Amino acid sequence: MAALNISNLHRQASPDDHLIICIGRTHGSAGTDIGFALADALKINYYDVEIFNQVLERLEAEKDSIADRDNFATKLHELHESLPDTRAKRRVSDFSRYHGLPKKDAVFFNQSDLIRDMAKKEDFIVMGRCADVILTNNRIPHISIFITAPFQQRVRRMMEVNHLEFKEACKLLKKLDRQHERYYNFYTGRKWGDAVNYDLCINSASYGIKESVELIERMIDKYPTKK
């Protein structure tokens, strides 16, 4: 996969290529702030999980409003309406909506489709969502970045930003990082945060937000796109 990404990154640029930056980060490393600042400096769009969820919900609503229901969907709907408002009813609803896939898997596949479609149309920065591997597997050129910082400094940042006590910040930080690691490892087969999987790894504690953005911009200057 690493060889494939290098090939994608350095192949001859096409007029259809866009500047796409995939950012992974540990919590408390200011990765989100760096992503926002970079998007602002480059004048391109920024996408994260909240934005993706909103877009997918809107697309789902639009699809439901125009799609014809087949017999199977109709029967599921009738069964759903006949059930009391219980966990079983919610399961039937999810089965109908996601065609039998677990909801988290369906959301991931829908996000993957959305990321691929976006890559054909615009320059953007995407935070997380396994976007680096999704684009690599589809041979779409991109830059992959991982941002982190020492644990103690991340804890202090979590305490300041979320107004938490030390023990609470440590517990929350470990929980959030564990969730990201499991998600990434499960859907990609790669190891989250492993330097060999990224084009650039940054210790934000050594650079801060402004210098981290400048470092990434210097890398982009060498990126072979129409830009």
C-alpha atoms as a PDB file:
ATOM      1  CA  MET A   1       0.000   0.000   0.000  1.00  0.00           C
ATOM      2  CA  ALA A   2       2.848   2.399   0.810  1.00  0.00           C
ATOM      3  CA  ALA A   3       4.425   1.715  -2.600  1.00  0.00           C
ATOM      4  CA  LEU A   4       1.075   2.281  -4.275  1.00  0.00           C
ATOM      5  CA  ASN A   5       0.628   5.640  -2.553  1.00  0.00           C
ATOM      6  CA  ILE A   6       4.130   6.772  -3.540  1.00  0.00           C
ATOM      7  CA  SER A   7       3.350   5.832  -7.131  1.00  0.00           C
ATOM      8  CA  ASN A   8       0.089   7.787  -6.998  1.00  0.00           C
ATOM      9  CA  LEU A   9       1.683  10.808  -5.366  1.00  0.00           C
ATOM     10  CA  HIS A  10       4.578  11.189  -7.786  1.00  0.00           C
ATOM     11  CA  ARG A  11       3.032  10.078 -11.055  1.00  0.00           C
ATOM     12  CA  GLN A  12       2.619  12.556 -13.896  1.00  0.00           C
ATOM     13  CA  ALA A  13      -0.025  15.105 -12.951  1.00  0.00           C
ATOM     14  CA  SER A  14      -3.293  15.180 -14.816  1.00  0.00           C
ATOM     15  CA  PRO A  15      -5.488  18.249 -15.393  1.00  0.00           C
ATOM     16  CA  ASP A  16      -8.191  16.351 -13.521  1.00  0.00           C
ATOM     17  CA  ASP A  17      -6.082  15.911 -10.362  1.00  0.00           C
ATOM     18  CA  HIS A  18      -6.990  17.924  -7.292  1.00  0.00           C
ATOM     19  CA  LEU A  19      -5.031  18.850  -4.188  1.00  0.00           C
ATOM     20  CA  ILE A  20      -6.323  16.526  -1.478  1.00  0.00           C
ATOM     21  CA  ILE A  21      -4.794  16.471   2.003  1.00  0.00           C
ATOM     22  CA  CYS A  22      -5.748  13.695   4.403  1.00  0.00           C
ATOM     23  CA  ILE A  23      -5.013  14.407   8.056  1.00  0.00           C
ATOM     24  CA  GLY A  24      -4.980  11.880  10.862  1.00  0.00           C
ATOM     25  CA  ARG A  25      -4.299  13.031  14.406  1.00  0.00           C
ATOM     26  CA  THR A  26      -4.209  12.055  18.044  1.00  0.00           C
ATOM     27  CA  HIS A  27      -6.601  13.954  20.283  1.00  0.00           C
ATOM     28  CA  GLY A  28      -5.170  16.988  22.007  1.00  0.00           C
ATOM     29  CA  SER A  29      -2.470  17.463  19.356  1.00  0.00           C
ATOM     30  CA  ALA A  30      -4.199  20.498  17.785  1.00  0.00           C
ATOM     31  CA  GLY A  31      -4.657  18.506  14.574  1.00  0.00           C
ATOM     32  CA  THR A  32      -8.110  19.977  14.007  1.00  0.00           C
ATOM     33  CA  ASP A  33      -6.832  23.527  14.505  1.00  0.00           C
ATOM     34  CA  ILE A  34      -3.963  22.880  12.097  1.00  0.00           C
ATOM     35  CA  GLY A  35      -6.405  21.451   9.542  1.00  0.00           C
ATOM     36  CA  PHE A  36      -8.666  24.503   9.793  1.00  0.00           C
ATOM     37  CA  ALA A  37      -5.740  26.920   9.564  1.00  0.00           C
ATOM     38  CA  LEU A  38      -4.307  25.078   6.566  1.00  0.00           C
ATOM     39  CA  ALA A  39      -7.653  25.082   4.756  1.00  0.00           C
ATOM     40  CA  ASP A  40      -7.928  28.809   5.401  1.00  0.00           C
ATOM     41  CA  ALA A  41      -4.392  29.449   4.133  1.00  0.00           C
ATOM     42  CA  LEU A  42      -4.962  27.400   0.976  1.00  0.00           C
ATOM     43  CA  LYS A  43      -8.519  28.696   0.446  1.00  0.00           C
ATOM     44  CA  ILE A  44      -9.932  25.177   0.088  1.00  0.00           C
ATOM     45  CA  ASN A  45     -12.722  23.290   1.833  1.00  0.00           C
ATOM     46  CA  TYR A  46     -12.317  21.385   5.085  1.00  0.00           C
ATOM     47  CA  TYR A  47     -14.303  18.240   5.927  1.00  0.00           C
ATOM     48  CA  ASP A  48     -14.558  16.248   9.142  1.00  0.00           C
ATOM     49  CA  VAL A  49     -16.896  13.639  10.601  1.00  0.00           C
ATOM     50  CA  GLU A  50     -19.614  16.136  11.536  1.00  0.00           C
ATOM     51  CA  ILE A  51     -19.724  17.638   8.051  1.00  0.00           C
ATOM     52  CA  PHE A  52     -19.734  14.194   6.420  1.00  0.00           C
ATOM     53  CA  ASN A  53     -22.601  13.052   8.617  1.00  0.00           C
ATOM     54  CA  GLN A  54     -24.651  16.125   7.697  1.00  0.00           C
ATOM     55  CA  VAL A  55     -23.998  15.628   3.983  1.00  0.00           C
ATOM     56  CA  LEU A  56     -24.856  11.916   4.126  1.00  0.00           C
ATOM     57  CA  GLU A  57     -28.073  12.602   6.027  1.00  0.00           C
ATOM     58  CA  ARG A  58     -29.106  15.148   3.406  1.00  0.00           C
ATOM     59  CA  LEU A  59     -28.270  12.808   0.531  1.00  0.00           C
ATOM     60  CA  GLU A  60     -30.156   9.992   2.221  1.00  0.00           C
ATOM     61  CA  ALA A  61     -33.213  12.219   2.644  1.00  0.00           C
ATOM     62  CA  GLU A  62     -33.069  13.278  -1.006  1.00  0.00           C
ATOM     63  CA  LYS A  63     -32.709   9.672  -2.135  1.00  0.00           C
ATOM     64  CA  ASP A  64     -35.641   8.549   0.003  1.00  0.00           C
ATOM     65  CA  SER A  65     -37.842  11.310  -1.364  1.00  0.00           C
ATOM     66  CA  ILE A  66     -37.452  10.187  -4.992  1.00  0.00           C
ATOM     67  CA  ALA A  67     -36.753   6.452  -4.762  1.00  0.00           C
ATOM     68  CA  ASP A  68     -39.496   3.974  -5.643  1.00  0.00           C
ATOM     69  CA  ARG A  69     -40.082   1.346  -2.978  1.00  0.00           C
ATOM     70  CA  ASP A  70     -39.877  -2.254  -4.143  1.00  0.00           C
ATOM     71  CA  ASN A  71     -41.944  -5.028  -2.578  1.00  0.00           C
ATOM     72  CA  PHE A  72     -39.215  -5.941  -0.113  1.00  0.00           C
ATOM     73  CA  ALA A  73     -38.829  -2.391   1.135  1.00  0.00           C
ATOM     74  CA  THR A  74     -42.592  -2.024   1.399  1.00  0.00           C
ATOM     75  CA  LYS A  75     -42.911  -5.142   3.516  1.00  0.00           C
ATOM     76  CA  LEU A  76     -40.121  -3.996   5.779  1.00  0.00           C
ATOM     77  CA  HIS A  77     -41.805  -0.646   6.152  1.00  0.00           C
ATOM     78  CA  GLU A  78     -45.115  -2.281   7.037  1.00  0.00           C
ATOM     79  CA  LEU A  79     -43.392  -4.503   9.585  1.00  0.00           C
ATOM     80  CA  HIS A  80     -41.602  -1.487  11.020  1.00  0.00           C
ATOM     81  CA  GLU A  81     -44.854   0.421  11.434  1.00  0.00           C
ATOM     82  CA  SER A  82     -46.539  -2.507  13.130  1.00  0.00           C
ATOM     83  CA  LEU A  83     -43.884  -2.856  15.815  1.00  0.00           C
ATOM     84  CA  PRO A  84     -43.941  -0.905  19.077  1.00  0.00           C
ATOM     85  CA  ASP A  85     -41.212   1.690  19.580  1.00  0.00           C
ATOM     86  CA  THR A  86     -38.580  -0.788  20.728  1.00  0.00           C
ATOM     87  CA  ARG A  87     -35.074  -1.937  19.866  1.00  0.00           C
ATOM     88  CA  ALA A  88     -36.555  -4.456  17.415  1.00  0.00           C
ATOM     89  CA  LYS A  89     -38.274  -1.636  15.538  1.00  0.00           C
ATOM     90  CA  ARG A  90     -35.025   0.287  15.286  1.00  0.00           C
ATOM     91  CA  ARG A  91     -33.248  -2.806  13.945  1.00  0.00           C
ATOM     92  CA  VAL A  92     -35.848  -3.269  11.213  1.00  0.00           C
ATOM     93  CA  SER A  93     -35.562   0.398  10.325  1.00  0.00           C
ATOM     94  CA  ASP A  94     -31.767   0.179  10.039  1.00  0.00           C
ATOM     95  CA  PHE A  95     -32.008  -3.023   7.972  1.00  0.00           C
ATOM     96  CA  SER A  96     -34.317  -1.286   5.517  1.00  0.00           C
ATOM     97  CA  ARG A  97     -32.191   1.822   5.300  1.00  0.00           C
ATOM     98  CA  TYR A  98     -28.791   0.127   5.017  1.00  0.00           C
ATOM     99  CA  HIS A  99     -29.773  -2.966   3.012  1.00  0.00           C
ATOM    100  CA  GLY A 100     -28.846  -5.416   5.759  1.00  0.00           C
ATOM    101  CA  LEU A 101     -25.413  -3.981   6.575  1.00  0.00           C
ATOM    102  CA  PRO A 102     -24.589  -2.913  10.127  1.00  0.00           C
ATOM    103  CA  LYS A 103     -25.165   0.817  10.333  1.00  0.00           C
ATOM    104  CA  LYS A 104     -21.505   1.675  11.040  1.00  0.00           C
ATOM    105  CA  ASP A 105     -20.385  -0.322   7.974  1.00  0.00           C
ATOM    106  CA  ALA A 106     -22.978   1.293   5.733  1.00  0.00           C
ATOM    107  CA  VAL A 107     -21.952   4.748   6.937  1.00  0.00           C
ATOM    108  CA  PHE A 108     -18.304   3.944   6.208  1.00  0.00           C
ATOM    109  CA  PHE A 109     -19.050   2.729   2.678  1.00  0.00           C
ATOM    110  CA  ASN A 110     -21.243   5.757   1.981  1.00  0.00           C
ATOM    111  CA  GLN A 111     -18.496   8.056   3.249  1.00  0.00           C
ATOM    112  CA  SER A 112     -16.001   6.256   1.037  1.00  0.00           C
ATOM    113  CA  ASP A 113     -18.183   6.829  -2.019  1.00  0.00           C
ATOM    114  CA  LEU A 114     -18.597  10.470  -1.077  1.00  0.00           C
ATOM    115  CA  ILE A 115     -14.844  10.997  -0.644  1.00  0.00           C
ATOM    116  CA  ARG A 116     -14.137   9.418  -4.036  1.00  0.00           C
ATOM    117  CA  ASP A 117     -16.777  11.600  -5.714  1.00  0.00           C
ATOM    118  CA  MET A 118     -15.442  14.752  -4.063  1.00  0.00           C
ATOM    119  CA  ALA A 119     -11.894  13.916  -5.169  1.00  0.00           C
ATOM    120  CA  LYS A 120     -13.023  14.225  -8.781  1.00  0.00           C
ATOM    121  CA  LYS A 121     -14.473  17.695  -8.295  1.00  0.00           C
ATOM    122  CA  GLU A 122     -12.521  19.838  -5.835  1.00  0.00           C
ATOM    123  CA  ASP A 123      -9.431  20.505  -3.715  1.00  0.00           C
ATOM    124  CA  PHE A 124     -10.020  19.829  -0.018  1.00  0.00           C
ATOM    125  CA  ILE A 125      -8.680  18.774   3.368  1.00  0.00           C
ATOM    126  CA  VAL A 126     -10.279  15.791   5.072  1.00  0.00           C
ATOM    127  CA  MET A 127      -9.848  14.952   8.740  1.00  0.00           C
ATOM    128  CA  GLY A 128      -9.751  11.226   9.479  1.00  0.00           C
ATOM    129  CA  ARG A 129     -12.407   8.952   7.922  1.00  0.00           C
ATOM    130  CA  CYS A 130      -9.650   6.596   6.617  1.00  0.00           C
ATOM    131  CA  ALA A 131      -9.538   8.898   3.596  1.00  0.00           C
ATOM    132  CA  ASP A 132      -5.856   8.231   2.931  1.00  0.00           C
ATOM    133  CA  VAL A 133      -6.426   4.508   2.402  1.00  0.00           C
ATOM    134  CA  ILE A 134      -9.694   5.019   0.494  1.00  0.00           C
ATOM    135  CA  LEU A 135      -7.915   7.285  -1.971  1.00  0.00           C
ATOM    136  CA  THR A 136      -4.840   5.056  -2.190  1.00  0.00           C
ATOM    137  CA  ASN A 137      -6.958   2.020  -3.020  1.00  0.00           C
ATOM    138  CA  ASN A 138      -8.689   4.021  -5.757  1.00  0.00           C
ATOM    139  CA  ARG A 139      -5.386   5.336  -7.151  1.00  0.00           C
ATOM    140  CA  ILE A 140      -6.273   8.948  -6.412  1.00  0.00           C
ATOM    141  CA  PRO A 141      -3.220  11.172  -5.671  1.00  0.00           C
ATOM    142  CA  HIS A 142      -3.207  12.827  -2.261  1.00  0.00           C
ATOM    143  CA  ILE A 143      -0.972  13.873   0.625  1.00  0.00           C
ATOM    144  CA  SER A 144      -1.354  11.965   3.905  1.00  0.00           C
ATOM    145  CA  ILE A 145      -0.324  13.596   7.172  1.00  0.00           C
ATOM    146  CA  PHE A 146      -0.362  12.412  10.774  1.00  0.00           C
ATOM    147  CA  ILE A 147      -0.243  14.935  13.625  1.00  0.00           C
ATOM    148  CA  THR A 148       0.555  14.031  17.212  1.00  0.00           C
ATOM    149  CA  ALA A 149       2.283  15.328  20.357  1.00  0.00           C
ATOM    150  CA  PRO A 150       3.615  13.889  23.620  1.00  0.00           C
ATOM    151  CA  PHE A 151       0.908  12.451  25.851  1.00  0.00           C
ATOM    152  CA  GLN A 152       1.455  14.833  28.776  1.00  0.00           C
ATOM    153  CA  GLN A 153       1.179  17.873  26.540  1.00  0.00           C
ATOM    154  CA  ARG A 154      -1.970  16.500  24.947  1.00  0.00           C
ATOM    155  CA  VAL A 155      -3.432  15.957  28.407  1.00  0.00           C
ATOM    156  CA  ARG A 156      -2.747  19.573  29.338  1.00  0.00           C
ATOM    157  CA  ARG A 157      -4.432  20.757  26.168  1.00  0.00           C
ATOM    158  CA  MET A 158      -7.471  18.558  26.872  1.00  0.00           C
ATOM    159  CA  MET A 159      -7.661  20.028  30.377  1.00  0.00           C
ATOM    160  CA  GLU A 160      -7.603  23.570  29.015  1.00  0.00           C
ATOM    161  CA  VAL A 161      -9.970  23.079  26.083  1.00  0.00           C
ATOM    162  CA  ASN A 162     -12.523  20.865  27.853  1.00  0.00           C
ATOM    163  CA  HIS A 163     -12.095  22.254  31.392  1.00  0.00           C
ATOM    164  CA  LEU A 164     -11.271  18.835  32.848  1.00  0.00           C
ATOM    165  CA  GLU A 165      -9.302  17.612  35.827  1.00  0.00           C
ATOM    166  CA  PHE A 166      -6.057  15.745  35.132  1.00  0.00           C
ATOM    167  CA  LYS A 167      -7.449  12.231  35.667  1.00  0.00           C
ATOM    168  CA  GLU A 168     -10.557  12.981  33.614  1.00  0.00           C
ATOM    169  CA  ALA A 169      -8.470  14.349  30.746  1.00  0.00           C
ATOM    170  CA  CYS A 170      -6.184  11.285  30.776  1.00  0.00           C
ATOM    171  CA  LYS A 171      -9.140   8.913  30.728  1.00  0.00           C
ATOM    172  CA  LEU A 172     -10.934  10.779  27.935  1.00  0.00           C
ATOM    173  CA  LEU A 173      -7.771  11.089  25.848  1.00  0.00           C
ATOM    174  CA  LYS A 174      -7.033   7.362  26.026  1.00  0.00           C
ATOM    175  CA  LYS A 175     -10.650   6.528  25.191  1.00  0.00           C
ATOM    176  CA  LEU A 176     -10.798   8.793  22.129  1.00  0.00           C
ATOM    177  CA  ASP A 177      -7.434   7.646  20.786  1.00  0.00           C
ATOM    178  CA  ARG A 178      -8.483   4.018  21.280  1.00  0.00           C
ATOM    179  CA  GLN A 179     -11.686   4.619  19.310  1.00  0.00           C
ATOM    180  CA  HIS A 180      -9.782   6.202  16.418  1.00  0.00           C
ATOM    181  CA  GLU A 181      -7.196   3.426  16.418  1.00  0.00           C
ATOM    182  CA  ARG A 182      -9.800   0.661  16.338  1.00  0.00           C
ATOM    183  CA  TYR A 183     -11.799   2.376  13.599  1.00  0.00           C
ATOM    184  CA  TYR A 184      -8.784   2.972  11.364  1.00  0.00           C
ATOM    185  CA  ASN A 185      -7.210  -0.439  11.908  1.00  0.00           C
ATOM    186  CA  PHE A 186     -10.513  -2.268  11.326  1.00  0.00           C
ATOM    187  CA  TYR A 187     -11.444  -0.554   8.059  1.00  0.00           C
ATOM    188  CA  THR A 188      -7.974  -0.230   6.538  1.00  0.00           C
ATOM    189  CA  GLY A 189      -5.881  -3.163   7.712  1.00  0.00           C
ATOM    190  CA  ARG A 190      -3.150  -0.630   8.480  1.00  0.00           C
ATOM    191  CA  LYS A 191      -1.789   0.489  11.832  1.00  0.00           C
ATOM    192  CA  TRP A 192      -3.066   3.897  12.901  1.00  0.00           C
ATOM    193  CA  GLY A 193      -0.249   6.374  13.531  1.00  0.00           C
ATOM    194  CA  ASP A 194       2.478   4.181  12.008  1.00  0.00           C
ATOM    195  CA  ALA A 195       4.849   6.596  10.270  1.00  0.00           C
ATOM    196  CA  VAL A 196       5.376   4.331   7.231  1.00  0.00           C
ATOM    197  CA  ASN A 197       1.718   4.839   6.280  1.00  0.00           C
ATOM    198  CA  TYR A 198       1.989   8.634   5.916  1.00  0.00           C
ATOM    199  CA  ASP A 199       3.840  11.114   3.731  1.00  0.00           C
ATOM    200  CA  LEU A 200       4.511  13.436   6.666  1.00  0.00           C
ATOM    201  CA  CYS A 201       4.324  13.037  10.451  1.00  0.00           C
ATOM    202  CA  ILE A 202       4.363  16.140  12.634  1.00  0.00           C
ATOM    203  CA  ASN A 203       4.977  16.604  16.344  1.00  0.00           C
ATOM    204  CA  SER A 204       2.812  19.677  16.814  1.00  0.00           C
ATOM    205  CA  ALA A 205       4.401  20.367  20.211  1.00  0.00           C
ATOM    206  CA  SER A 206       7.669  21.101  18.403  1.00  0.00           C
ATOM    207  CA  TYR A 207       6.158  23.448  15.830  1.00  0.00           C
ATOM    208  CA  GLY A 208       2.860  24.841  17.042  1.00  0.00           C
ATOM    209  CA  ILE A 209      -0.093  25.537  14.765  1.00  0.00           C
ATOM    210  CA  LYS A 210       1.413  28.292  12.593  1.00  0.00           C
ATOM    211  CA  GLU A 211       4.733  26.554  11.896  1.00  0.00           C
ATOM    212  CA  SER A 212       2.979  23.224  11.291  1.00  0.00           C
ATOM    213  CA  VAL A 213       0.868  24.893   8.612  1.00  0.00           C
ATOM    214  CA  GLU A 214       3.979  26.453   7.061  1.00  0.00           C
ATOM    215  CA  LEU A 215       5.721  23.073   7.071  1.00  0.00           C
ATOM    216  CA  ILE A 216       2.823  21.452   5.220  1.00  0.00           C
ATOM    217  CA  GLU A 217       2.665  24.335   2.749  1.00  0.00           C
ATOM    218  CA  ARG A 218       6.345  23.832   1.908  1.00  0.00           C
ATOM    219  CA  MET A 219       5.599  20.182   1.198  1.00  0.00           C
ATOM    220  CA  ILE A 220       2.644  21.117  -1.014  1.00  0.00           C
ATOM    221  CA  ASP A 221       4.915  23.355  -3.106  1.00  0.00           C
ATOM    222  CA  LYS A 222       6.619  20.144  -4.286  1.00  0.00           C
ATOM    223  CA  TYR A 223       3.346  18.312  -4.903  1.00  0.00           C
ATOM    224  CA  PRO A 224       2.927  17.522  -8.648  1.00  0.00           C
ATOM    225  CA  THR A 225      -0.564  18.824  -9.439  1.00  0.00           C
ATOM    226  CA  LYS A 226      -2.063  21.399 -11.741  1.00  0.00           C
ATOM    227  CA  LYS A 227      -1.677  23.855  -8.835  1.00  0.00           C
END
